[in-house]
Amino acid sequence: MPCDLGDISIYYETSGTGQPIVMLPGRPSDHGIMERFMEPLFVQRDGWLRIYPDLPGTGLSPSADRLATHDSMLDAMLAFIDTILPSQRFVLAGYSYGGYLARGVASRRTALIDGLILCAPQVKADPTLAPRTTLGEDPALVSELGPVADLIVVQRPAVVEAVRQVLAEMQLADSSHQARLEAAGPASFEVAPHSF
């Protein structure tokens, strides 16, 4: 469902009822990546309202020219949270770039956050990756994936299927928006809040 924020609309889906937990995905994938990671954890856990947004410029959430920096992306996610959970306490989870934004949300909404889950969080705007080390090779399995095959370090059927799903989600992403964010430089928000 869409959350209207004026010049942009954030698409999101929900599951369950109870304590809200906002799940911020990485980019350029959409909310589906967090659903696949997190929903199995709630199969036998009631009492949680899971909220899965698409970040602006991914999935079904369009971008806007003003969303060209990490600070503006944080402001958009704060507006989304403030709109759907006005003055409510919540738990926050973030994966990769969503973890980066989650740390910014935590610094701005500390008093409302009951917990923070960071899954492989991006820790700065321009991450430097460690050298690639393949843990299990199966060249035949990854051969059809093209250049992205070089990113898969555990070459097993389940991992390759997960990569296929993410690649499908990435096709929906606004590539010009993603490029603007890549060129934006570091954010000004505090990503390691001392008070949390």
C-alpha atoms as a PDB file:
ATOM      1  CA  MET A   1       0.000   0.000   0.000  1.00  0.00           C
ATOM      2  CA  PRO A   2       1.229   3.550  -0.617  1.00  0.00           C
ATOM      3  CA  CYS A   3       2.127   6.077   2.081  1.00  0.00           C
ATOM      4  CA  ASP A   4       1.635   9.558   0.598  1.00  0.00           C
ATOM      5  CA  LEU A   5       4.336  12.009   1.678  1.00  0.00           C
ATOM      6  CA  GLY A   6       3.428  14.847  -0.678  1.00  0.00           C
ATOM      7  CA  ASP A   7       5.873  14.800  -3.580  1.00  0.00           C
ATOM      8  CA  ILE A   8       6.725  11.120  -3.036  1.00  0.00           C
ATOM      9  CA  SER A   9       4.893   7.977  -2.078  1.00  0.00           C
ATOM     10  CA  ILE A  10       6.534   5.144  -0.164  1.00  0.00           C
ATOM     11  CA  TYR A  11       5.132   1.728  -1.011  1.00  0.00           C
ATOM     12  CA  TYR A  12       5.048  -0.744   1.872  1.00  0.00           C
ATOM     13  CA  GLU A  13       3.543  -4.034   2.936  1.00  0.00           C
ATOM     14  CA  THR A  14       2.668  -5.288   6.394  1.00  0.00           C
ATOM     15  CA  SER A  15       2.320  -8.658   8.091  1.00  0.00           C
ATOM     16  CA  GLY A  16       0.952  -9.526  11.512  1.00  0.00           C
ATOM     17  CA  THR A  17      -0.261  -7.335  14.369  1.00  0.00           C
ATOM     18  CA  GLY A  18       1.245  -6.012  17.571  1.00  0.00           C
ATOM     19  CA  GLN A  19       4.551  -4.254  18.329  1.00  0.00           C
ATOM     20  CA  PRO A  20       5.667  -2.453  15.139  1.00  0.00           C
ATOM     21  CA  ILE A  21       8.989  -3.422  13.585  1.00  0.00           C
ATOM     22  CA  VAL A  22      10.108  -1.367  10.572  1.00  0.00           C
ATOM     23  CA  MET A  23      12.311  -3.333   8.146  1.00  0.00           C
ATOM     24  CA  LEU A  24      14.546  -1.162   5.946  1.00  0.00           C
ATOM     25  CA  PRO A  25      15.983  -3.050   2.951  1.00  0.00           C
ATOM     26  CA  GLY A  26      19.246  -2.521   1.155  1.00  0.00           C
ATOM     27  CA  ARG A  27      19.322  -0.869  -2.213  1.00  0.00           C
ATOM     28  CA  PRO A  28      18.683  -1.264  -5.047  1.00  0.00           C
ATOM     29  CA  SER A  29      16.576  -4.272  -3.994  1.00  0.00           C
ATOM     30  CA  ASP A  30      13.068  -3.711  -2.655  1.00  0.00           C
ATOM     31  CA  HIS A  31      11.159  -4.768   0.471  1.00  0.00           C
ATOM     32  CA  GLY A  32      11.111  -8.393  -0.729  1.00  0.00           C
ATOM     33  CA  ILE A  33      14.663  -9.005   0.436  1.00  0.00           C
ATOM     34  CA  MET A  34      13.724  -8.182   4.037  1.00  0.00           C
ATOM     35  CA  GLU A  35      10.538 -10.252   3.802  1.00  0.00           C
ATOM     36  CA  ARG A  36      12.536 -13.297   2.687  1.00  0.00           C
ATOM     37  CA  PHE A  37      15.083 -12.833   5.486  1.00  0.00           C
ATOM     38  CA  MET A  38      12.721 -11.898   8.303  1.00  0.00           C
ATOM     39  CA  GLU A  39       9.358 -13.615   7.823  1.00  0.00           C
ATOM     40  CA  PRO A  40      10.696 -17.095   8.692  1.00  0.00           C
ATOM     41  CA  LEU A  41      11.637 -15.683  12.117  1.00  0.00           C
ATOM     42  CA  PHE A  42       7.979 -14.855  12.823  1.00  0.00           C
ATOM     43  CA  VAL A  43       6.373 -18.159  11.805  1.00  0.00           C
ATOM     44  CA  GLN A  44       5.882 -19.093  15.462  1.00  0.00           C
ATOM     45  CA  ARG A  45       6.087 -15.601  16.991  1.00  0.00           C
ATOM     46  CA  ASP A  46       2.882 -13.628  17.400  1.00  0.00           C
ATOM     47  CA  GLY A  47       2.583 -10.038  18.526  1.00  0.00           C
ATOM     48  CA  TRP A  48       4.652  -8.280  15.828  1.00  0.00           C
ATOM     49  CA  LEU A  49       3.463  -5.895  13.126  1.00  0.00           C
ATOM     50  CA  ARG A  50       6.123  -6.179  10.423  1.00  0.00           C
ATOM     51  CA  ILE A  51       6.380  -3.134   8.144  1.00  0.00           C
ATOM     52  CA  TYR A  52       8.327  -3.571   4.892  1.00  0.00           C
ATOM     53  CA  PRO A  53       8.847  -0.377   2.847  1.00  0.00           C
ATOM     54  CA  ASP A  54      10.489   0.032  -0.538  1.00  0.00           C
ATOM     55  CA  LEU A  55      13.113   2.771  -0.252  1.00  0.00           C
ATOM     56  CA  PRO A  56      12.607   5.692  -2.664  1.00  0.00           C
ATOM     57  CA  GLY A  57      13.887   4.735  -6.098  1.00  0.00           C
ATOM     58  CA  THR A  58      13.383   0.995  -5.505  1.00  0.00           C
ATOM     59  CA  GLY A  59      10.497  -1.396  -6.023  1.00  0.00           C
ATOM     60  CA  LEU A  60       7.206   0.498  -6.192  1.00  0.00           C
ATOM     61  CA  SER A  61       8.485   3.665  -4.450  1.00  0.00           C
ATOM     62  CA  PRO A  62       9.404   6.258  -7.064  1.00  0.00           C
ATOM     63  CA  SER A  63      12.270   8.649  -6.534  1.00  0.00           C
ATOM     64  CA  ALA A  64      12.237  12.437  -6.649  1.00  0.00           C
ATOM     65  CA  ASP A  65      15.002  14.806  -7.705  1.00  0.00           C
ATOM     66  CA  ARG A  66      15.340  16.112  -4.147  1.00  0.00           C
ATOM     67  CA  LEU A  67      16.330  12.637  -2.910  1.00  0.00           C
ATOM     68  CA  ALA A  68      19.909  12.873  -4.163  1.00  0.00           C
ATOM     69  CA  THR A  69      21.734  12.566  -0.818  1.00  0.00           C
ATOM     70  CA  HIS A  70      21.800  10.142   2.084  1.00  0.00           C
ATOM     71  CA  ASP A  71      20.443  12.900   4.343  1.00  0.00           C
ATOM     72  CA  SER A  72      17.430  13.363   2.072  1.00  0.00           C
ATOM     73  CA  MET A  73      16.865   9.600   2.025  1.00  0.00           C
ATOM     74  CA  LEU A  74      16.963   9.597   5.839  1.00  0.00           C
ATOM     75  CA  ASP A  75      14.475  12.482   5.914  1.00  0.00           C
ATOM     76  CA  ALA A  76      12.140  10.526   3.609  1.00  0.00           C
ATOM     77  CA  MET A  77      12.295   7.446   5.832  1.00  0.00           C
ATOM     78  CA  LEU A  78      11.717   9.548   8.967  1.00  0.00           C
ATOM     79  CA  ALA A  79       8.666  11.115   7.301  1.00  0.00           C
ATOM     80  CA  PHE A  80       7.407   7.638   6.374  1.00  0.00           C
ATOM     81  CA  ILE A  81       7.837   6.329   9.942  1.00  0.00           C
ATOM     82  CA  ASP A  82       6.304   9.472  11.460  1.00  0.00           C
ATOM     83  CA  THR A  83       3.293   9.122   9.136  1.00  0.00           C
ATOM     84  CA  ILE A  84       2.526   5.440   9.650  1.00  0.00           C
ATOM     85  CA  LEU A  85       3.563   5.280  13.334  1.00  0.00           C
ATOM     86  CA  PRO A  86       2.902   8.777  14.712  1.00  0.00           C
ATOM     87  CA  SER A  87       4.609   9.066  18.113  1.00  0.00           C
ATOM     88  CA  GLN A  88       4.535   5.258  18.497  1.00  0.00           C
ATOM     89  CA  ARG A  89       7.344   3.137  19.852  1.00  0.00           C
ATOM     90  CA  PHE A  90       8.838   0.652  17.391  1.00  0.00           C
ATOM     91  CA  VAL A  91      11.692  -1.723  16.702  1.00  0.00           C
ATOM     92  CA  LEU A  92      13.888  -0.977  13.713  1.00  0.00           C
ATOM     93  CA  ALA A  93      15.720  -3.428  11.454  1.00  0.00           C
ATOM     94  CA  GLY A  94      17.990  -2.595   8.544  1.00  0.00           C
ATOM     95  CA  TYR A  95      19.900  -4.605   5.981  1.00  0.00           C
ATOM     96  CA  SER A  96      22.977  -3.173   4.202  1.00  0.00           C
ATOM     97  CA  TYR A  97      22.048   0.386   3.111  1.00  0.00           C
ATOM     98  CA  GLY A  98      18.860  -0.003   5.152  1.00  0.00           C
ATOM     99  CA  GLY A  99      21.138  -0.583   8.160  1.00  0.00           C
ATOM    100  CA  TYR A 100      22.951   2.648   7.343  1.00  0.00           C
ATOM    101  CA  LEU A 101      19.634   4.507   7.287  1.00  0.00           C
ATOM    102  CA  ALA A 102      18.466   2.659  10.418  1.00  0.00           C
ATOM    103  CA  ARG A 103      21.448   4.038  12.305  1.00  0.00           C
ATOM    104  CA  GLY A 104      20.430   7.529  11.195  1.00  0.00           C
ATOM    105  CA  VAL A 105      16.815   6.884  12.266  1.00  0.00           C
ATOM    106  CA  ALA A 106      18.095   5.630  15.628  1.00  0.00           C
ATOM    107  CA  SER A 107      20.021   8.860  16.131  1.00  0.00           C
ATOM    108  CA  ARG A 108      16.924  10.986  15.397  1.00  0.00           C
ATOM    109  CA  ARG A 109      14.182   8.894  17.043  1.00  0.00           C
ATOM    110  CA  THR A 110      16.097   7.300  19.927  1.00  0.00           C
ATOM    111  CA  ALA A 111      13.300   7.879  22.448  1.00  0.00           C
ATOM    112  CA  LEU A 112      10.808   5.891  20.328  1.00  0.00           C
ATOM    113  CA  ILE A 113      12.989   2.898  19.476  1.00  0.00           C
ATOM    114  CA  ASP A 114      12.685  -0.272  21.561  1.00  0.00           C
ATOM    115  CA  GLY A 115      15.378  -2.177  19.670  1.00  0.00           C
ATOM    116  CA  LEU A 116      17.692  -2.084  16.683  1.00  0.00           C
ATOM    117  CA  ILE A 117      18.573  -5.007  14.398  1.00  0.00           C
ATOM    118  CA  LEU A 118      21.407  -4.449  11.926  1.00  0.00           C
ATOM    119  CA  CYS A 119      21.934  -7.134   9.284  1.00  0.00           C
ATOM    120  CA  ALA A 120      25.241  -6.682   7.405  1.00  0.00           C
ATOM    121  CA  PRO A 121      24.894  -2.906   7.804  1.00  0.00           C
ATOM    122  CA  GLN A 122      26.662  -0.502   5.543  1.00  0.00           C
ATOM    123  CA  VAL A 123      28.780   1.532   7.950  1.00  0.00           C
ATOM    124  CA  LYS A 124      29.657   4.464   5.721  1.00  0.00           C
ATOM    125  CA  ALA A 125      28.408   6.007   2.505  1.00  0.00           C
ATOM    126  CA  ASP A 126      31.294   4.730   0.370  1.00  0.00           C
ATOM    127  CA  PRO A 127      32.119   1.231   1.599  1.00  0.00           C
ATOM    128  CA  THR A 128      35.364  -0.452   0.677  1.00  0.00           C
ATOM    129  CA  LEU A 129      34.941  -4.174   0.193  1.00  0.00           C
ATOM    130  CA  ALA A 130      37.414  -6.782   1.366  1.00  0.00           C
ATOM    131  CA  PRO A 131      39.121  -8.889  -1.305  1.00  0.00           C
ATOM    132  CA  ARG A 132      36.877 -11.605  -2.714  1.00  0.00           C
ATOM    133  CA  THR A 133      37.332 -15.117  -1.321  1.00  0.00           C
ATOM    134  CA  THR A 134      35.237 -17.923  -2.804  1.00  0.00           C
ATOM    135  CA  LEU A 135      34.171 -20.416  -0.127  1.00  0.00           C
ATOM    136  CA  GLY A 136      32.580 -22.988  -2.416  1.00  0.00           C
ATOM    137  CA  GLU A 137      32.996 -23.022  -6.182  1.00  0.00           C
ATOM    138  CA  ASP A 138      30.548 -24.392  -8.724  1.00  0.00           C
ATOM    139  CA  PRO A 139      31.297 -22.595 -12.023  1.00  0.00           C
ATOM    140  CA  ALA A 140      28.536 -24.450 -13.902  1.00  0.00           C
ATOM    141  CA  LEU A 141      25.924 -23.285 -11.386  1.00  0.00           C
ATOM    142  CA  VAL A 142      26.820 -19.595 -11.637  1.00  0.00           C
ATOM    143  CA  SER A 143      27.765 -19.480 -15.338  1.00  0.00           C
ATOM    144  CA  GLU A 144      24.330 -18.266 -16.452  1.00  0.00           C
ATOM    145  CA  LEU A 145      24.388 -15.276 -14.071  1.00  0.00           C
ATOM    146  CA  GLY A 146      26.955 -13.319 -16.094  1.00  0.00           C
ATOM    147  CA  PRO A 147      29.150 -10.691 -14.403  1.00  0.00           C
ATOM    148  CA  VAL A 148      27.206 -10.861 -11.121  1.00  0.00           C
ATOM    149  CA  ALA A 149      28.542 -14.404 -10.678  1.00  0.00           C
ATOM    150  CA  ASP A 150      31.812 -12.824  -9.507  1.00  0.00           C
ATOM    151  CA  LEU A 151      29.961 -11.545  -6.423  1.00  0.00           C
ATOM    152  CA  ILE A 152      28.801 -14.980  -5.277  1.00  0.00           C
ATOM    153  CA  VAL A 153      31.336 -16.418  -2.871  1.00  0.00           C
ATOM    154  CA  VAL A 154      29.238 -19.397  -1.716  1.00  0.00           C
ATOM    155  CA  GLN A 155      28.201 -21.013  -4.965  1.00  0.00           C
ATOM    156  CA  ARG A 156      25.331 -23.240  -3.829  1.00  0.00           C
ATOM    157  CA  PRO A 157      21.825 -23.606  -5.324  1.00  0.00           C
ATOM    158  CA  ALA A 158      20.045 -21.771  -2.458  1.00  0.00           C
ATOM    159  CA  VAL A 159      22.447 -18.820  -2.689  1.00  0.00           C
ATOM    160  CA  VAL A 160      22.165 -18.622  -6.477  1.00  0.00           C
ATOM    161  CA  GLU A 161      18.343 -18.671  -6.228  1.00  0.00           C
ATOM    162  CA  ALA A 162      18.443 -15.845  -3.660  1.00  0.00           C
ATOM    163  CA  VAL A 163      20.683 -13.845  -6.009  1.00  0.00           C
ATOM    164  CA  ARG A 164      18.221 -14.413  -8.866  1.00  0.00           C
ATOM    165  CA  GLN A 165      15.406 -12.992  -6.709  1.00  0.00           C
ATOM    166  CA  VAL A 166      17.469  -9.929  -5.791  1.00  0.00           C
ATOM    167  CA  LEU A 167      18.428  -9.379  -9.443  1.00  0.00           C
ATOM    168  CA  ALA A 168      14.733  -9.394 -10.378  1.00  0.00           C
ATOM    169  CA  GLU A 169      14.045  -6.782  -7.677  1.00  0.00           C
ATOM    170  CA  MET A 170      16.963  -4.663  -8.863  1.00  0.00           C
ATOM    171  CA  GLN A 171      15.389  -4.442 -12.322  1.00  0.00           C
ATOM    172  CA  LEU A 172      12.659  -2.270 -10.775  1.00  0.00           C
ATOM    173  CA  ALA A 173      15.136   0.196  -9.254  1.00  0.00           C
ATOM    174  CA  ASP A 174      15.563   3.712 -10.638  1.00  0.00           C
ATOM    175  CA  SER A 175      19.170   3.547 -11.893  1.00  0.00           C
ATOM    176  CA  SER A 176      19.600   7.327 -12.155  1.00  0.00           C
ATOM    177  CA  HIS A 177      18.477   7.700  -8.523  1.00  0.00           C
ATOM    178  CA  GLN A 178      20.929   4.991  -7.451  1.00  0.00           C
ATOM    179  CA  ALA A 179      23.740   6.755  -9.342  1.00  0.00           C
ATOM    180  CA  ARG A 180      22.960  10.069  -7.613  1.00  0.00           C
ATOM    181  CA  LEU A 181      23.217   8.365  -4.221  1.00  0.00           C
ATOM    182  CA  GLU A 182      26.496   6.706  -5.204  1.00  0.00           C
ATOM    183  CA  ALA A 183      27.934  10.131  -6.023  1.00  0.00           C
ATOM    184  CA  ALA A 184      26.436  11.876  -2.964  1.00  0.00           C
ATOM    185  CA  GLY A 185      29.315  11.427  -0.548  1.00  0.00           C
ATOM    186  CA  PRO A 186      28.909  10.831   3.172  1.00  0.00           C
ATOM    187  CA  ALA A 187      25.804  11.746   5.138  1.00  0.00           C
ATOM    188  CA  SER A 188      25.828  14.384   7.833  1.00  0.00           C
ATOM    189  CA  PHE A 189      23.687  12.332  10.220  1.00  0.00           C
ATOM    190  CA  GLU A 190      25.170  10.536  13.193  1.00  0.00           C
ATOM    191  CA  VAL A 191      25.384   6.823  12.386  1.00  0.00           C
ATOM    192  CA  ALA A 192      26.727   5.629  15.730  1.00  0.00           C
ATOM    193  CA  PRO A 193      24.447   7.309  18.276  1.00  0.00           C
ATOM    194  CA  HIS A 194      25.940   7.440  21.767  1.00  0.00           C
ATOM    195  CA  SER A 195      22.578   7.760  23.485  1.00  0.00           C
ATOM    196  CA  PHE A 196      21.036   4.615  22.028  1.00  0.00           C
END
